[in-house]
Amino acid sequence: MRKIMSFLILIALSANPVFAGAPVPGDKAPNFSLSSLAGEKFVLDALKGKVVLVGMFHICVPCMNQAMEFNKVREKIKSDKLVVLGINTNGDSREAVEDYLKGFPQAVKFPYLLDPEMSLHKTYIQRDMPTILIIDSEGILKARSSAVGADQLIPYLEKLM
């Protein structure tokens, strides 16, 4: 039993450095520059002055569900002080992402970006599917979470704006 416990502790300790260096709330959000499916370029640093809600997504059901929660946020908060972005961080092809989005119960109401180099996944050390980031108007990462409902996001975002 002791050998098993020692082995499990060793695995846990060796896994922690993999996530060291991941941006955490309070850090300046690392910049990114990506293009949407529509061809529009988004640069995080250019969005200063706005609150930015980012969904780091793959092609999966939990990510689709989170995107539908983002739609609810976008419907409730129409302010141009909020930017909502979905980003495919898995490096999937444009065609694969477009096919995936066609299967959603409703169209996304926010720009959906592609990250063919998986730069965001690497920079932000994505662990969860989906990963939600909230960046304040000064470019500071305020929150990082796995899936979260619109009912929790809306009041938090409204306080930041």
Protein backbone atom coordinates (compact mmCIF):
# COMPACT_ATOMS: atom_id res chain seq x y z
CA MET A 1 0.00 0.00 0.00
CA ARG A 2 2.84 2.38 0.87
CA LYS A 3 4.45 1.80 -2.52
CA ILE A 4 1.21 2.65 -4.30
CA MET A 5 0.77 5.84 -2.25
CA SER A 6 4.40 6.86 -2.88
CA PHE A 7 3.94 6.24 -6.59
CA LEU A 8 0.72 8.32 -6.71
CA ILE A 9 2.36 11.18 -4.81
CA LEU A 10 5.34 11.09 -7.17
CA ILE A 11 3.02 11.30 -10.19
CA ALA A 12 1.09 14.21 -8.65
CA LEU A 13 4.27 16.14 -7.86
CA SER A 14 5.78 15.57 -11.27
CA ALA A 15 2.58 16.72 -13.01
CA ASN A 16 2.50 20.14 -11.34
CA PRO A 17 5.42 21.72 -13.25
CA VAL A 18 3.56 21.09 -16.51
CA PHE A 19 1.07 23.78 -15.49
CA ALA A 20 3.59 26.14 -13.92
CA GLY A 21 3.65 29.40 -15.79
CA ALA A 22 0.00 29.27 -16.82
CA PRO A 23 -1.50 32.76 -16.58
CA VAL A 24 -3.65 33.11 -13.47
CA PRO A 25 -6.09 35.80 -12.36
CA GLY A 26 -4.19 38.98 -11.59
CA ASP A 27 -1.64 38.44 -14.38
CA LYS A 28 -1.52 40.54 -17.51
CA ALA A 29 -3.29 38.48 -20.14
CA PRO A 30 -0.80 37.34 -22.80
CA ASN A 31 -1.52 38.96 -26.14
CA PHE A 32 -2.80 37.02 -29.12
CA SER A 33 -3.58 37.82 -32.73
CA LEU A 34 -6.02 35.50 -34.51
CA SER A 35 -8.52 35.65 -37.34
CA SER A 36 -12.18 34.73 -37.24
CA LEU A 37 -13.96 32.39 -39.62
CA ALA A 38 -15.25 35.57 -41.29
CA GLY A 39 -11.66 36.75 -41.86
CA GLU A 40 -11.70 39.52 -39.23
CA LYS A 41 -8.44 39.89 -37.28
CA PHE A 42 -8.56 40.17 -33.48
CA VAL A 43 -5.60 41.35 -31.40
CA LEU A 44 -6.13 41.18 -27.66
CA ASP A 45 -3.99 44.24 -26.92
CA ALA A 46 -6.13 46.28 -29.35
CA LEU A 47 -9.21 45.49 -27.22
CA LYS A 48 -8.00 47.48 -24.20
CA GLY A 49 -10.84 49.54 -22.79
CA LYS A 50 -13.23 46.61 -23.25
CA VAL A 51 -13.99 43.56 -21.16
CA VAL A 52 -13.16 40.41 -23.12
CA LEU A 53 -14.89 37.07 -22.57
CA VAL A 54 -12.95 34.25 -24.24
CA GLY A 55 -14.02 30.67 -24.72
CA MET A 56 -11.11 28.36 -25.50
CA PHE A 57 -12.93 25.61 -27.36
CA HIS A 58 -12.30 22.31 -29.11
CA ILE A 59 -14.76 20.35 -31.20
CA CYS A 60 -16.75 18.79 -28.36
CA VAL A 61 -20.20 18.85 -26.79
CA PRO A 62 -19.14 20.69 -23.60
CA CYS A 63 -17.67 23.44 -25.78
CA MET A 64 -20.87 23.67 -27.83
CA ASN A 65 -22.86 23.96 -24.60
CA GLN A 66 -20.56 26.74 -23.39
CA ALA A 67 -20.93 28.56 -26.70
CA MET A 68 -24.71 28.50 -26.20
CA GLU A 69 -24.17 30.07 -22.76
CA PHE A 70 -22.06 32.77 -24.46
CA ASN A 71 -25.02 33.41 -26.79
CA LYS A 72 -27.16 34.07 -23.71
CA VAL A 73 -24.52 36.50 -22.41
CA ARG A 74 -24.42 38.29 -25.76
CA GLU A 75 -28.24 38.53 -25.83
CA LYS A 76 -28.37 39.98 -22.32
CA ILE A 77 -25.34 42.30 -22.54
CA LYS A 78 -25.47 44.18 -25.82
CA SER A 79 -22.88 46.78 -24.77
CA ASP A 80 -19.95 47.42 -27.06
CA LYS A 81 -17.84 47.48 -23.88
CA LEU A 82 -17.97 43.67 -23.95
CA VAL A 83 -16.22 41.55 -26.57
CA VAL A 84 -17.17 37.87 -26.69
CA LEU A 85 -14.86 35.51 -28.58
CA GLY A 86 -14.92 31.79 -29.19
CA ILE A 87 -11.57 30.33 -30.21
CA ASN A 88 -10.87 26.87 -31.56
CA THR A 89 -7.61 26.18 -29.72
CA ASN A 90 -7.14 22.64 -31.01
CA GLY A 91 -5.71 23.61 -34.40
CA ASP A 92 -8.69 22.12 -36.24
CA SER A 93 -9.14 23.05 -39.90
CA ARG A 94 -11.53 25.78 -41.02
CA GLU A 95 -13.70 23.13 -42.67
CA ALA A 96 -13.87 21.00 -39.51
CA VAL A 97 -14.81 24.01 -37.37
CA GLU A 98 -17.44 25.19 -39.87
CA ASP A 99 -18.97 21.68 -39.97
CA TYR A 100 -18.96 21.55 -36.16
CA LEU A 101 -20.71 24.93 -35.89
CA LYS A 102 -23.42 23.79 -38.32
CA GLY A 103 -24.46 21.22 -35.71
CA PHE A 104 -25.17 23.82 -33.02
CA PRO A 105 -28.80 24.33 -31.94
CA GLN A 106 -28.41 28.01 -32.94
CA ALA A 107 -25.75 30.06 -34.68
CA VAL A 108 -23.10 31.65 -32.49
CA LYS A 109 -23.68 35.36 -31.86
CA PHE A 110 -20.02 36.21 -31.45
CA PRO A 111 -16.86 35.91 -33.55
CA TYR A 112 -15.39 32.41 -33.72
CA LEU A 113 -11.63 32.43 -34.22
CA LEU A 114 -9.20 29.86 -35.54
CA ASP A 115 -5.84 29.10 -33.97
CA PRO A 116 -4.13 26.73 -36.42
CA GLU A 117 -0.83 26.91 -34.53
CA MET A 118 -2.52 26.21 -31.17
CA SER A 119 -0.73 29.27 -29.80
CA LEU A 120 -3.44 30.11 -27.27
CA HIS A 121 -3.56 26.52 -26.05
CA LYS A 122 0.19 26.65 -25.45
CA THR A 123 0.40 30.20 -24.04
CA TYR A 124 -2.50 29.81 -21.63
CA ILE A 125 -1.69 26.13 -20.91
CA GLN A 126 -5.24 24.96 -21.51
CA ARG A 127 -6.21 22.14 -19.17
CA ASP A 128 -9.99 22.08 -19.32
CA MET A 129 -12.43 21.79 -22.18
CA PRO A 130 -13.74 24.42 -22.40
CA THR A 131 -11.60 27.04 -20.66
CA ILE A 132 -13.20 30.41 -19.99
CA LEU A 133 -11.12 33.57 -19.63
CA ILE A 134 -12.36 36.98 -18.51
CA ILE A 135 -10.01 39.85 -19.21
CA ASP A 136 -10.75 43.31 -17.85
CA SER A 137 -10.53 46.62 -19.69
CA GLU A 138 -6.90 47.05 -18.57
CA GLY A 139 -5.82 43.70 -20.05
CA ILE A 140 -5.66 41.87 -16.71
CA LEU A 141 -6.87 38.29 -16.49
CA LYS A 142 -9.67 38.49 -13.92
CA ALA A 143 -11.00 34.93 -14.09
CA ARG A 144 -10.10 31.58 -15.53
CA SER A 145 -12.54 28.71 -15.24
CA SER A 146 -13.91 25.62 -16.83
CA ALA A 147 -17.51 25.73 -18.07
CA VAL A 148 -19.68 28.38 -16.42
CA GLY A 149 -23.30 29.34 -17.02
CA ALA A 150 -24.59 32.65 -18.33
CA ASP A 151 -26.39 33.23 -15.02
CA GLN A 152 -22.98 33.43 -13.32
CA LEU A 153 -21.15 35.21 -16.13
CA ILE A 154 -23.62 38.07 -16.64
CA PRO A 155 -23.46 39.65 -13.15
CA TYR A 156 -19.68 39.24 -13.03
CA LEU A 157 -19.19 40.86 -16.44
CA GLU A 158 -21.60 43.69 -15.64
CA LYS A 159 -19.52 44.56 -12.55
CA LEU A 160 -16.39 44.80 -14.70
CA MET A 161 -17.93 47.12 -17.29
